[in-house]
PDB file of all heavy atoms in Angstrom:
ATOM      1  N   PHE A   1       0.854  -1.189   0.000  1.00  0.00           N
ATOM      2  CA  PHE A   1       0.000   0.000   0.000  1.00  0.00           C
ATOM      3  C   PHE A   1       0.887   1.235   0.000  1.00  0.00           C
ATOM      4  O   PHE A   1       1.857   1.307   0.763  1.00  0.00           O
ATOM      5  CB  PHE A   1      -0.900   0.013   1.245  1.00  0.00           C
ATOM      6  CG  PHE A   1      -1.968  -1.029   1.245  1.00  0.00           C
ATOM      7  CD1 PHE A   1      -1.711  -2.312   1.735  1.00  0.00           C
ATOM      8  CD2 PHE A   1      -3.228  -0.746   0.736  1.00  0.00           C
ATOM      9  CE1 PHE A   1      -2.689  -3.280   1.725  1.00  0.00           C
ATOM     10  CE2 PHE A   1      -4.222  -1.714   0.733  1.00  0.00           C
ATOM     11  CZ  PHE A   1      -3.954  -2.988   1.230  1.00  0.00           C
ATOM     12  N   PRO A   2       0.591   2.225  -0.845  1.00  0.00           N
ATOM     13  CA  PRO A   2       1.429   3.431  -0.878  1.00  0.00           C
ATOM     14  C   PRO A   2       1.321   4.229   0.421  1.00  0.00           C
ATOM     15  O   PRO A   2       0.359   4.102   1.171  1.00  0.00           O
ATOM     16  CB  PRO A   2       0.850   4.222  -2.069  1.00  0.00           C
ATOM     17  CG  PRO A   2      -0.517   3.688  -2.287  1.00  0.00           C
ATOM     18  CD  PRO A   2      -0.494   2.263  -1.847  1.00  0.00           C
ATOM     19  N   ARG A   3       2.310   5.071   0.645  1.00  0.00           N
ATOM     20  CA  ARG A   3       2.380   5.853   1.873  1.00  0.00           C
ATOM     21  C   ARG A   3       1.123   6.721   2.070  1.00  0.00           C
ATOM     22  O   ARG A   3       0.650   6.914   3.182  1.00  0.00           O
ATOM     23  CB  ARG A   3       3.618   6.754   1.802  1.00  0.00           C
ATOM     24  CG  ARG A   3       3.920   7.552   3.046  1.00  0.00           C
ATOM     25  CD  ARG A   3       4.451   6.675   4.157  1.00  0.00           C
ATOM     26  NE  ARG A   3       3.564   6.630   5.288  1.00  0.00           N
ATOM     27  CZ  ARG A   3       3.721   5.822   6.316  1.00  0.00           C
ATOM     28  NH1 ARG A   3       4.730   4.967   6.341  1.00  0.00           N
ATOM     29  NH2 ARG A   3       2.875   5.827   7.323  1.00  0.00           N
ATOM     30  N   GLN A   4       0.626   7.237   0.939  1.00  0.00           N
ATOM     31  CA  GLN A   4      -0.553   8.103   1.010  1.00  0.00           C
ATOM     32  C   GLN A   4      -1.740   7.364   1.623  1.00  0.00           C
ATOM     33  O   GLN A   4      -2.485   7.920   2.431  1.00  0.00           O
ATOM     34  CB  GLN A   4      -0.910   8.600  -0.398  1.00  0.00           C
ATOM     35  CG  GLN A   4      -2.135   9.503  -0.428  1.00  0.00           C
ATOM     36  CD  GLN A   4      -2.541   9.845  -1.849  1.00  0.00           C
ATOM     37  OE1 GLN A   4      -1.957   9.361  -2.821  1.00  0.00           O
ATOM     38  NE2 GLN A   4      -3.565  10.684  -1.979  1.00  0.00           N
ATOM     39  N   VAL A   5      -1.924   6.086   1.240  1.00  0.00           N
ATOM     40  CA  VAL A   5      -3.034   5.284   1.762  1.00  0.00           C
ATOM     41  C   VAL A   5      -2.815   4.996   3.246  1.00  0.00           C
ATOM     42  O   VAL A   5      -3.749   5.069   4.055  1.00  0.00           O
ATOM     43  CB  VAL A   5      -3.176   3.970   0.969  1.00  0.00           C
ATOM     44  CG1 VAL A   5      -4.176   3.030   1.647  1.00  0.00           C
ATOM     45  CG2 VAL A   5      -3.617   4.267  -0.457  1.00  0.00           C
ATOM     46  N   VAL A   6      -1.568   4.687   3.618  1.00  0.00           N
ATOM     47  CA  VAL A   6      -1.259   4.408   5.029  1.00  0.00           C
ATOM     48  C   VAL A   6      -1.569   5.635   5.886  1.00  0.00           C
ATOM     49  O   VAL A   6      -2.196   5.522   6.956  1.00  0.00           O
ATOM     50  CB  VAL A   6       0.218   4.000   5.195  1.00  0.00           C
ATOM     51  CG1 VAL A   6       0.552   3.806   6.677  1.00  0.00           C
ATOM     52  CG2 VAL A   6       0.519   2.719   4.410  1.00  0.00           C
ATOM     53  N   ASP A   7      -1.180   6.814   5.397  1.00  0.00           N
ATOM     54  CA  ASP A   7      -1.437   8.054   6.156  1.00  0.00           C
ATOM     55  C   ASP A   7      -2.937   8.312   6.278  1.00  0.00           C
ATOM     56  O   ASP A   7      -3.422   8.732   7.338  1.00  0.00           O
ATOM     57  CB  ASP A   7      -0.759   9.241   5.476  1.00  0.00           C
ATOM     58  CG  ASP A   7       0.761   9.165   5.566  1.00  0.00           C
ATOM     59  OD1 ASP A   7       1.265   8.412   6.435  1.00  0.00           O
ATOM     60  OD2 ASP A   7       1.445   9.833   4.770  1.00  0.00           O
ATOM     61  N   LEU A   8      -3.666   8.057   5.191  1.00  0.00           N
ATOM     62  CA  LEU A   8      -5.112   8.284   5.219  1.00  0.00           C
ATOM     63  C   LEU A   8      -5.797   7.329   6.189  1.00  0.00           C
ATOM     64  O   LEU A   8      -6.691   7.727   6.954  1.00  0.00           O
ATOM     65  CB  LEU A   8      -5.696   8.112   3.813  1.00  0.00           C
ATOM     66  CG  LEU A   8      -7.195   8.383   3.666  1.00  0.00           C
ATOM     67  CD1 LEU A   8      -7.530   9.807   4.070  1.00  0.00           C
ATOM     68  CD2 LEU A   8      -7.647   8.113   2.229  1.00  0.00           C
ATOM     69  N   MET A   9      -5.367   6.067   6.195  1.00  0.00           N
ATOM     70  CA  MET A   9      -5.962   5.099   7.118  1.00  0.00           C
ATOM     71  C   MET A   9      -5.626   5.437   8.569  1.00  0.00           C
ATOM     72  O   MET A   9      -6.420   5.179   9.471  1.00  0.00           O
ATOM     73  CB  MET A   9      -5.459   3.677   6.783  1.00  0.00           C
ATOM     74  CG  MET A   9      -5.955   3.124   5.448  1.00  0.00           C
ATOM     75  SD  MET A   9      -7.746   3.163   5.258  1.00  0.00           S
ATOM     76  CE  MET A   9      -7.924   4.497   4.063  1.00  0.00           C
ATOM     77  N   THR A  10      -4.455   6.029   8.785  1.00  0.00           N
ATOM     78  CA  THR A  10      -4.091   6.467  10.132  1.00  0.00           C
ATOM     79  C   THR A  10      -5.047   7.559  10.611  1.00  0.00           C
ATOM     80  O   THR A  10      -5.459   7.581  11.784  1.00  0.00           O
ATOM     81  CB  THR A  10      -2.640   6.991  10.149  1.00  0.00           C
ATOM     82  OG1 THR A  10      -1.754   5.943   9.710  1.00  0.00           O
ATOM     83  CG2 THR A  10      -2.235   7.422  11.545  1.00  0.00           C
ATOM     84  N   THR A  11      -5.422   8.448   9.692  1.00  0.00           N
ATOM     85  CA  THR A  11      -6.401   9.496  10.030  1.00  0.00           C
ATOM     86  C   THR A  11      -7.758   8.884  10.345  1.00  0.00           C
ATOM     87  O   THR A  11      -8.414   9.253  11.323  1.00  0.00           O
ATOM     88  CB  THR A  11      -6.537  10.487   8.863  1.00  0.00           C
ATOM     89  OG1 THR A  11      -5.266  11.058   8.573  1.00  0.00           O
ATOM     90  CG2 THR A  11      -7.516  11.600   9.222  1.00  0.00           C
ATOM     91  N   PHE A  12      -8.192   7.922   9.504  1.00  0.00           N
ATOM     92  CA  PHE A  12      -9.464   7.237   9.758  1.00  0.00           C
ATOM     93  C   PHE A  12      -9.413   6.485  11.090  1.00  0.00           C
ATOM     94  O   PHE A  12     -10.416   6.406  11.805  1.00  0.00           O
ATOM     95  CB  PHE A  12      -9.782   6.258   8.625  1.00  0.00           C
ATOM     96  CG  PHE A  12     -10.397   6.914   7.419  1.00  0.00           C
ATOM     97  CD1 PHE A  12      -9.966   6.602   6.139  1.00  0.00           C
ATOM     98  CD2 PHE A  12     -11.419   7.841   7.561  1.00  0.00           C
ATOM     99  CE1 PHE A  12     -10.533   7.203   5.047  1.00  0.00           C
ATOM    100  CE2 PHE A  12     -11.990   8.450   6.459  1.00  0.00           C
ATOM    101  CZ  PHE A  12     -11.552   8.133   5.187  1.00  0.00           C
ATOM    102  N   ALA A  13      -8.245   5.926  11.412  1.00  0.00           N
ATOM    103  CA  ALA A  13      -8.103   5.217  12.682  1.00  0.00           C
ATOM    104  C   ALA A  13      -8.284   6.171  13.862  1.00  0.00           C
ATOM    105  O   ALA A  13      -8.893   5.824  14.874  1.00  0.00           O
ATOM    106  CB  ALA A  13      -6.728   4.536  12.753  1.00  0.00           C
ATOM    107  N   SER A  14      -7.763   7.390  13.721  1.00  0.00           N
ATOM    108  CA  SER A  14      -7.925   8.385  14.787  1.00  0.00           C
ATOM    109  C   SER A  14      -9.393   8.731  14.994  1.00  0.00           C
ATOM    110  O   SER A  14      -9.866   8.855  16.132  1.00  0.00           O
ATOM    111  CB  SER A  14      -7.139   9.658  14.447  1.00  0.00           C
ATOM    112  OG  SER A  14      -5.757   9.385  14.389  1.00  0.00           O
ATOM    113  N   GLN A  15     -10.127   8.847  13.880  1.00  0.00           N
ATOM    114  CA  GLN A  15     -11.561   9.141  13.978  1.00  0.00           C
ATOM    115  C   GLN A  15     -12.313   7.974  14.617  1.00  0.00           C
ATOM    116  O   GLN A  15     -13.229   8.163  15.419  1.00  0.00           O
ATOM    117  CB  GLN A  15     -12.134   9.423  12.572  1.00  0.00           C
ATOM    118  CG  GLN A  15     -11.550  10.646  11.883  1.00  0.00           C
ATOM    119  CD  GLN A  15     -12.164  11.940  12.388  1.00  0.00           C
ATOM    120  OE1 GLN A  15     -12.440  12.082  13.570  1.00  0.00           O
ATOM    121  NE2 GLN A  15     -12.364  12.902  11.507  1.00  0.00           N
ATOM    122  N   SER A  16     -11.916   6.752  14.256  1.00  0.00           N
ATOM    123  CA  SER A  16     -12.544   5.569  14.846  1.00  0.00           C
ATOM    124  C   SER A  16     -12.291   5.509  16.346  1.00  0.00           C
ATOM    125  O   SER A  16     -13.190   5.205  17.139  1.00  0.00           O
ATOM    126  CB  SER A  16     -11.997   4.294  14.184  1.00  0.00           C
ATOM    127  OG  SER A  16     -12.199   4.315  12.792  1.00  0.00           O
ATOM    128  N   ALA A  17     -11.050   5.806  16.741  1.00  0.00           N
ATOM    129  CA  ALA A  17     -10.703   5.789  18.166  1.00  0.00           C
ATOM    130  C   ALA A  17     -11.514   6.827  18.930  1.00  0.00           C
ATOM    131  O   ALA A  17     -11.990   6.569  20.039  1.00  0.00           O
ATOM    132  CB  ALA A  17      -9.207   6.048  18.339  1.00  0.00           C
ATOM    133  N   LEU A  18     -11.698   8.008  18.334  1.00  0.00           N
ATOM    134  CA  LEU A  18     -12.479   9.063  18.975  1.00  0.00           C
ATOM    135  C   LEU A  18     -13.929   8.620  19.164  1.00  0.00           C
ATOM    136  O   LEU A  18     -14.519   8.819  20.237  1.00  0.00           O
ATOM    137  CB  LEU A  18     -12.429  10.338  18.132  1.00  0.00           C
ATOM    138  CG  LEU A  18     -13.263  11.522  18.632  1.00  0.00           C
ATOM    139  CD1 LEU A  18     -12.829  11.927  20.037  1.00  0.00           C
ATOM    140  CD2 LEU A  18     -13.158  12.694  17.666  1.00  0.00           C
ATOM    141  N   ALA A  19     -14.508   7.994  18.118  1.00  0.00           N
ATOM    142  CA  ALA A  19     -15.888   7.521  18.212  1.00  0.00           C
ATOM    143  C   ALA A  19     -16.040   6.458  19.295  1.00  0.00           C
ATOM    144  O   ALA A  19     -16.993   6.470  20.075  1.00  0.00           O
ATOM    145  CB  ALA A  19     -16.338   6.952  16.859  1.00  0.00           C
ATOM    146  N   MET A  20     -15.083   5.538  19.368  1.00  0.00           N
ATOM    147  CA  MET A  20     -15.154   4.476  20.368  1.00  0.00           C
ATOM    148  C   MET A  20     -14.953   5.026  21.776  1.00  0.00           C
ATOM    149  O   MET A  20     -15.614   4.600  22.729  1.00  0.00           O
ATOM    150  CB  MET A  20     -14.119   3.395  20.050  1.00  0.00           C
ATOM    151  CG  MET A  20     -14.445   2.627  18.764  1.00  0.00           C
ATOM    152  SD  MET A  20     -13.125   1.531  18.208  1.00  0.00           S
ATOM    153  CE  MET A  20     -13.282   0.208  19.369  1.00  0.00           C
ATOM    154  N   GLN A  21     -14.051   5.990  21.913  1.00  0.00           N
ATOM    155  CA  GLN A  21     -13.833   6.595  23.231  1.00  0.00           C
ATOM    156  C   GLN A  21     -15.085   7.362  23.671  1.00  0.00           C
ATOM    157  O   GLN A  21     -15.492   7.280  24.842  1.00  0.00           O
ATOM    158  CB  GLN A  21     -12.638   7.536  23.195  1.00  0.00           C
ATOM    159  CG  GLN A  21     -12.295   8.116  24.578  1.00  0.00           C
ATOM    160  CD  GLN A  21     -11.264   9.211  24.509  1.00  0.00           C
ATOM    161  OE1 GLN A  21     -11.370  10.112  23.680  1.00  0.00           O
ATOM    162  NE2 GLN A  21     -10.253   9.136  25.356  1.00  0.00           N
ATOM    163  N   ASN A  22     -15.715   8.092  22.748  1.00  0.00           N
ATOM    164  CA  ASN A  22     -16.944   8.810  23.074  1.00  0.00           C
ATOM    165  C   ASN A  22     -18.020   7.856  23.566  1.00  0.00           C
ATOM    166  O   ASN A  22     -18.737   8.142  24.532  1.00  0.00           O
ATOM    167  CB  ASN A  22     -17.450   9.583  21.853  1.00  0.00           C
ATOM    168  CG  ASN A  22     -16.604  10.804  21.548  1.00  0.00           C
ATOM    169  OD1 ASN A  22     -15.791  11.217  22.365  1.00  0.00           O
ATOM    170  ND2 ASN A  22     -16.786  11.378  20.378  1.00  0.00           N
ATOM    171  N   ALA A  23     -18.147   6.710  22.866  1.00  0.00           N
ATOM    172  CA  ALA A  23     -19.163   5.727  23.250  1.00  0.00           C
ATOM    173  C   ALA A  23     -18.875   5.167  24.643  1.00  0.00           C
ATOM    174  O   ALA A  23     -19.785   5.002  25.460  1.00  0.00           O
ATOM    175  CB  ALA A  23     -19.208   4.598  22.216  1.00  0.00           C
ATOM    176  N   ARG A  24     -17.599   4.875  24.914  1.00  0.00           N
ATOM    177  CA  ARG A  24     -17.242   4.338  26.233  1.00  0.00           C
ATOM    178  C   ARG A  24     -17.488   5.362  27.333  1.00  0.00           C
ATOM    179  O   ARG A  24     -18.025   5.040  28.400  1.00  0.00           O
ATOM    180  CB  ARG A  24     -15.767   3.919  26.232  1.00  0.00           C
ATOM    181  CG  ARG A  24     -15.472   2.684  25.380  1.00  0.00           C
ATOM    182  CD  ARG A  24     -14.001   2.293  25.474  1.00  0.00           C
ATOM    183  NE  ARG A  24     -13.707   1.142  24.624  1.00  0.00           N
ATOM    184  CZ  ARG A  24     -12.509   0.562  24.560  1.00  0.00           C
ATOM    185  NH1 ARG A  24     -11.510   1.012  25.299  1.00  0.00           N
ATOM    186  NH2 ARG A  24     -12.309  -0.478  23.769  1.00  0.00           N
ATOM    187  N   LEU A  25     -17.102   6.609  27.073  1.00  0.00           N
ATOM    188  CA  LEU A  25     -17.304   7.654  28.079  1.00  0.00           C
ATOM    189  C   LEU A  25     -18.787   7.893  28.336  1.00  0.00           C
ATOM    190  O   LEU A  25     -19.213   8.083  29.485  1.00  0.00           O
ATOM    191  CB  LEU A  25     -16.641   8.958  27.621  1.00  0.00           C
ATOM    192  CG  LEU A  25     -15.115   8.977  27.607  1.00  0.00           C
ATOM    193  CD1 LEU A  25     -14.598  10.281  27.021  1.00  0.00           C
ATOM    194  CD2 LEU A  25     -14.551   8.785  29.018  1.00  0.00           C
ATOM    195  N   PHE A  26     -19.593   7.867  27.256  1.00  0.00           N
ATOM    196  CA  PHE A  26     -21.026   8.059  27.426  1.00  0.00           C
ATOM    197  C   PHE A  26     -21.634   6.936  28.250  1.00  0.00           C
ATOM    198  O   PHE A  26     -22.490   7.158  29.106  1.00  0.00           O
ATOM    199  CB  PHE A  26     -21.705   8.136  26.053  1.00  0.00           C
ATOM    200  CG  PHE A  26     -23.183   8.389  26.133  1.00  0.00           C
ATOM    201  CD1 PHE A  26     -23.666   9.641  26.487  1.00  0.00           C
ATOM    202  CD2 PHE A  26     -24.089   7.382  25.876  1.00  0.00           C
ATOM    203  CE1 PHE A  26     -25.025   9.884  26.579  1.00  0.00           C
ATOM    204  CE2 PHE A  26     -25.464   7.610  25.959  1.00  0.00           C
ATOM    205  CZ  PHE A  26     -25.927   8.872  26.305  1.00  0.00           C
ATOM    206  N   HIS A  27     -21.159   5.705  27.995  1.00  0.00           N
ATOM    207  CA  HIS A  27     -21.655   4.560  28.761  1.00  0.00           C
ATOM    208  C   HIS A  27     -21.293   4.724  30.241  1.00  0.00           C
ATOM    209  O   HIS A  27     -22.122   4.464  31.127  1.00  0.00           O
ATOM    210  CB  HIS A  27     -21.049   3.271  28.205  1.00  0.00           C
ATOM    211  CG  HIS A  27     -21.473   2.033  28.937  1.00  0.00           C
ATOM    212  ND1 HIS A  27     -22.788   1.608  28.981  1.00  0.00           N
ATOM    213  CD2 HIS A  27     -20.766   1.140  29.693  1.00  0.00           C
ATOM    214  CE1 HIS A  27     -22.872   0.503  29.711  1.00  0.00           C
ATOM    215  NE2 HIS A  27     -21.668   0.209  30.146  1.00  0.00           N
ATOM    216  N   GLN A  28     -20.060   5.165  30.502  1.00  0.00           N
ATOM    217  CA  GLN A  28     -19.644   5.376  31.887  1.00  0.00           C
ATOM    218  C   GLN A  28     -20.461   6.487  32.555  1.00  0.00           C
ATOM    219  O   GLN A  28     -20.821   6.391  33.736  1.00  0.00           O
ATOM    220  CB  GLN A  28     -18.149   5.724  31.928  1.00  0.00           C
ATOM    221  CG  GLN A  28     -17.239   4.563  31.544  1.00  0.00           C
ATOM    222  CD  GLN A  28     -15.802   4.994  31.362  1.00  0.00           C
ATOM    223  OE1 GLN A  28     -15.460   6.160  31.539  1.00  0.00           O
ATOM    224  NE2 GLN A  28     -14.939   4.067  30.982  1.00  0.00           N
ATOM    225  N   LEU A  29     -20.740   7.545  31.789  1.00  0.00           N
ATOM    226  CA  LEU A  29     -21.550   8.644  32.320  1.00  0.00           C
ATOM    227  C   LEU A  29     -22.972   8.188  32.632  1.00  0.00           C
ATOM    228  O   LEU A  29     -23.568   8.615  33.628  1.00  0.00           O
ATOM    229  CB  LEU A  29     -21.588   9.806  31.324  1.00  0.00           C
ATOM    230  CG  LEU A  29     -20.318  10.653  31.218  1.00  0.00           C
ATOM    231  CD1 LEU A  29     -20.440  11.654  30.082  1.00  0.00           C
ATOM    232  CD2 LEU A  29     -20.039  11.379  32.531  1.00  0.00           C
ATOM    233  N   GLU A  30     -23.520   7.324  31.772  1.00  0.00           N
ATOM    234  CA  GLU A  30     -24.865   6.790  32.025  1.00  0.00           C
ATOM    235  C   GLU A  30     -24.900   6.017  33.339  1.00  0.00           C
ATOM    236  O   GLU A  30     -25.828   6.164  34.139  1.00  0.00           O
ATOM    237  CB  GLU A  30     -25.292   5.870  30.867  1.00  0.00           C
ATOM    238  CG  GLU A  30     -25.905   6.589  29.692  1.00  0.00           C
ATOM    239  CD  GLU A  30     -26.517   5.617  28.715  1.00  0.00           C
ATOM    240  OE1 GLU A  30     -25.898   4.567  28.436  1.00  0.00           O
ATOM    241  OE2 GLU A  30     -27.629   5.894  28.228  1.00  0.00           O
ATOM    242  N   ILE A  31     -23.878   5.173  33.546  1.00  0.00           N
ATOM    243  CA  ILE A  31     -23.809   4.385  34.784  1.00  0.00           C
ATOM    244  C   ILE A  31     -23.669   5.308  35.986  1.00  0.00           C
ATOM    245  O   ILE A  31     -24.355   5.150  37.000  1.00  0.00           O
ATOM    246  CB  ILE A  31     -22.623   3.394  34.715  1.00  0.00           C
ATOM    247  CG1 ILE A  31     -22.876   2.344  33.614  1.00  0.00           C
ATOM    248  CG2 ILE A  31     -22.422   2.716  36.061  1.00  0.00           C
ATOM    249  CD1 ILE A  31     -21.694   1.435  33.361  1.00  0.00           C
ATOM    250  N   ALA A  32     -22.766   6.297  35.862  1.00  0.00           N
ATOM    251  CA  ALA A  32     -22.558   7.239  36.973  1.00  0.00           C
ATOM    252  C   ALA A  32     -23.833   8.031  37.275  1.00  0.00           C
ATOM    253  O   ALA A  32     -24.167   8.278  38.438  1.00  0.00           O
ATOM    254  CB  ALA A  32     -21.419   8.198  36.632  1.00  0.00           C
ATOM    255  N   SER A  33     -24.552   8.422  36.213  1.00  0.00           N
ATOM    256  CA  SER A  33     -25.789   9.176  36.400  1.00  0.00           C
ATOM    257  C   SER A  33     -26.842   8.342  37.114  1.00  0.00           C
ATOM    258  O   SER A  33     -27.561   8.844  37.992  1.00  0.00           O
ATOM    259  CB  SER A  33     -26.328   9.645  35.041  1.00  0.00           C
ATOM    260  OG  SER A  33     -27.526  10.378  35.199  1.00  0.00           O
ATOM    261  N   LYS A  34     -26.924   7.062  36.762  1.00  0.00           N
ATOM    262  CA  LYS A  34     -27.888   6.181  37.429  1.00  0.00           C
ATOM    263  C   LYS A  34     -27.541   6.023  38.910  1.00  0.00           C
ATOM    264  O   LYS A  34     -28.416   6.055  39.769  1.00  0.00           O
ATOM    265  CB  LYS A  34     -27.916   4.817  36.738  1.00  0.00           C
ATOM    266  CG  LYS A  34     -28.618   4.830  35.389  1.00  0.00           C
ATOM    267  CD  LYS A  34     -28.604   3.454  34.748  1.00  0.00           C
ATOM    268  CE  LYS A  34     -29.299   3.483  33.400  1.00  0.00           C
ATOM    269  NZ  LYS A  34     -29.255   2.168  32.727  1.00  0.00           N
ATOM    270  N   HIS A  35     -26.249   5.841  39.201  1.00  0.00           N
ATOM    271  CA  HIS A  35     -25.820   5.721  40.596  1.00  0.00           C
ATOM    272  C   HIS A  35     -26.126   7.010  41.366  1.00  0.00           C
ATOM    273  O   HIS A  35     -26.570   6.963  42.520  1.00  0.00           O
ATOM    274  CB  HIS A  35     -24.329   5.409  40.671  1.00  0.00           C
ATOM    275  CG  HIS A  35     -23.985   4.003  40.268  1.00  0.00           C
ATOM    276  ND1 HIS A  35     -24.721   2.913  40.656  1.00  0.00           N
ATOM    277  CD2 HIS A  35     -22.978   3.507  39.496  1.00  0.00           C
ATOM    278  CE1 HIS A  35     -24.188   1.808  40.160  1.00  0.00           C
ATOM    279  NE2 HIS A  35     -23.132   2.144  39.447  1.00  0.00           N
ATOM    280  N   LYS A  36     -25.871   8.163  40.707  1.00  0.00           N
ATOM    281  CA  LYS A  36     -26.128   9.444  41.360  1.00  0.00           C
ATOM    282  C   LYS A  36     -27.609   9.598  41.675  1.00  0.00           C
ATOM    283  O   LYS A  36     -27.989   9.996  42.785  1.00  0.00           O
ATOM    284  CB  LYS A  36     -25.663  10.582  40.463  1.00  0.00           C
ATOM    285  CG  LYS A  36     -25.887  11.961  41.062  1.00  0.00           C
ATOM    286  CD  LYS A  36     -26.083  13.019  39.999  1.00  0.00           C
ATOM    287  CE  LYS A  36     -27.423  12.853  39.314  1.00  0.00           C
ATOM    288  NZ  LYS A  36     -27.723  13.907  38.332  1.00  0.00           N
ATOM    289  N   SER A  37     -28.454   9.286  40.672  1.00  0.00           N
ATOM    290  CA  SER A  37     -29.900   9.426  40.867  1.00  0.00           C
ATOM    291  C   SER A  37     -30.399   8.497  41.966  1.00  0.00           C
ATOM    292  O   SER A  37     -31.228   8.884  42.793  1.00  0.00           O
ATOM    293  CB  SER A  37     -30.635   9.135  39.550  1.00  0.00           C
ATOM    294  OG  SER A  37     -30.279  10.072  38.563  1.00  0.00           O
ATOM    295  N   GLN A  38     -29.877   7.262  41.984  1.00  0.00           N
ATOM    296  CA  GLN A  38     -30.296   6.315  43.007  1.00  0.00           C
ATOM    297  C   GLN A  38     -29.839   6.768  44.387  1.00  0.00           C
ATOM    298  O   GLN A  38     -30.580   6.666  45.369  1.00  0.00           O
ATOM    299  CB  GLN A  38     -29.726   4.920  42.702  1.00  0.00           C
ATOM    300  CG  GLN A  38     -30.334   3.809  43.545  1.00  0.00           C
ATOM    301  CD  GLN A  38     -31.835   3.690  43.344  1.00  0.00           C
ATOM    302  OE1 GLN A  38     -32.310   3.604  42.226  1.00  0.00           O
ATOM    303  NE2 GLN A  38     -32.588   3.701  44.429  1.00  0.00           N
ATOM    304  N   PHE A  39     -28.613   7.310  44.454  1.00  0.00           N
ATOM    305  CA  PHE A  39     -28.093   7.808  45.725  1.00  0.00           C
ATOM    306  C   PHE A  39     -28.947   8.968  46.242  1.00  0.00           C
ATOM    307  O   PHE A  39     -29.315   9.008  47.420  1.00  0.00           O
ATOM    308  CB  PHE A  39     -26.640   8.270  45.548  1.00  0.00           C
ATOM    309  CG  PHE A  39     -26.083   9.009  46.732  1.00  0.00           C
ATOM    310  CD1 PHE A  39     -25.682   8.335  47.874  1.00  0.00           C
ATOM    311  CD2 PHE A  39     -25.972  10.404  46.709  1.00  0.00           C
ATOM    312  CE1 PHE A  39     -25.178   9.022  48.970  1.00  0.00           C
ATOM    313  CE2 PHE A  39     -25.472  11.091  47.798  1.00  0.00           C
ATOM    314  CZ  PHE A  39     -25.071  10.401  48.933  1.00  0.00           C
ATOM    315  N   LEU A  40     -29.280   9.905  45.344  1.00  0.00           N
ATOM    316  CA  LEU A  40     -30.105  11.041  45.751  1.00  0.00           C
ATOM    317  C   LEU A  40     -31.481  10.589  46.208  1.00  0.00           C
ATOM    318  O   LEU A  40     -32.015  11.097  47.197  1.00  0.00           O
ATOM    319  CB  LEU A  40     -30.243  12.031  44.590  1.00  0.00           C
ATOM    320  CG  LEU A  40     -29.011  12.865  44.248  1.00  0.00           C
ATOM    321  CD1 LEU A  40     -29.260  13.699  43.007  1.00  0.00           C
ATOM    322  CD2 LEU A  40     -28.613  13.756  45.414  1.00  0.00           C
ATOM    323  N   ALA A  41     -32.059   9.615  45.493  1.00  0.00           N
ATOM    324  CA  ALA A  41     -33.380   9.109  45.874  1.00  0.00           C
ATOM    325  C   ALA A  41     -33.321   8.460  47.257  1.00  0.00           C
ATOM    326  O   ALA A  41     -34.183   8.703  48.113  1.00  0.00           O
ATOM    327  CB  ALA A  41     -33.885   8.115  44.828  1.00  0.00           C
ATOM    328  N   ASN A  42     -32.295   7.641  47.482  1.00  0.00           N
ATOM    329  CA  ASN A  42     -32.168   6.959  48.781  1.00  0.00           C
ATOM    330  C   ASN A  42     -31.923   7.954  49.908  1.00  0.00           C
ATOM    331  O   ASN A  42     -32.547   7.876  50.975  1.00  0.00           O
ATOM    332  CB  ASN A  42     -31.021   5.948  48.734  1.00  0.00           C
ATOM    333  CG  ASN A  42     -31.323   4.772  47.828  1.00  0.00           C
ATOM    334  OD1 ASN A  42     -32.486   4.515  47.499  1.00  0.00           O
ATOM    335  ND2 ASN A  42     -30.297   4.057  47.401  1.00  0.00           N
ATOM    336  N   MET A  43     -30.999   8.894  49.653  1.00  0.00           N
ATOM    337  CA  MET A  43     -30.675   9.867  50.691  1.00  0.00           C
ATOM    338  C   MET A  43     -31.868  10.776  51.000  1.00  0.00           C
ATOM    339  O   MET A  43     -32.133  11.100  52.152  1.00  0.00           O
ATOM    340  CB  MET A  43     -29.478  10.716  50.265  1.00  0.00           C
ATOM    341  CG  MET A  43     -28.147   9.989  50.363  1.00  0.00           C
ATOM    342  SD  MET A  43     -27.809   9.400  52.044  1.00  0.00           S
ATOM    343  CE  MET A  43     -27.759  10.942  52.943  1.00  0.00           C
ATOM    344  N   SER A  44     -32.583  11.189  49.953  1.00  0.00           N
ATOM    345  CA  SER A  44     -33.746  12.051  50.160  1.00  0.00           C
ATOM    346  C   SER A  44     -34.789  11.337  51.008  1.00  0.00           C
ATOM    347  O   SER A  44     -35.392  11.925  51.913  1.00  0.00           O
ATOM    348  CB  SER A  44     -34.349  12.459  48.814  1.00  0.00           C
ATOM    349  OG  SER A  44     -33.413  13.181  48.055  1.00  0.00           O
ATOM    350  N   HIS A  45     -34.991  10.064  50.723  1.00  0.00           N
ATOM    351  CA  HIS A  45     -35.967   9.279  51.486  1.00  0.00           C
ATOM    352  C   HIS A  45     -35.520   9.151  52.944  1.00  0.00           C
ATOM    353  O   HIS A  45     -36.318   9.321  53.874  1.00  0.00           O
ATOM    354  CB  HIS A  45     -36.135   7.904  50.852  1.00  0.00           C
ATOM    355  CG  HIS A  45     -37.080   7.016  51.610  1.00  0.00           C
ATOM    356  ND1 HIS A  45     -38.445   7.207  51.598  1.00  0.00           N
ATOM    357  CD2 HIS A  45     -36.855   5.949  52.421  1.00  0.00           C
ATOM    358  CE1 HIS A  45     -39.021   6.299  52.364  1.00  0.00           C
ATOM    359  NE2 HIS A  45     -38.083   5.522  52.864  1.00  0.00           N
TER     360      HIS A  45
END
């Protein structure tokens, strides 16, 4: 594969990594939000 293709795929790989990291962070935030809401509900009660 020519260098140009390798460089382009490296750029696409960076975009893929960003998308996967965003998905993982969002999943972690969802879990944290659920724990926070449950904690507030329990403490309020």
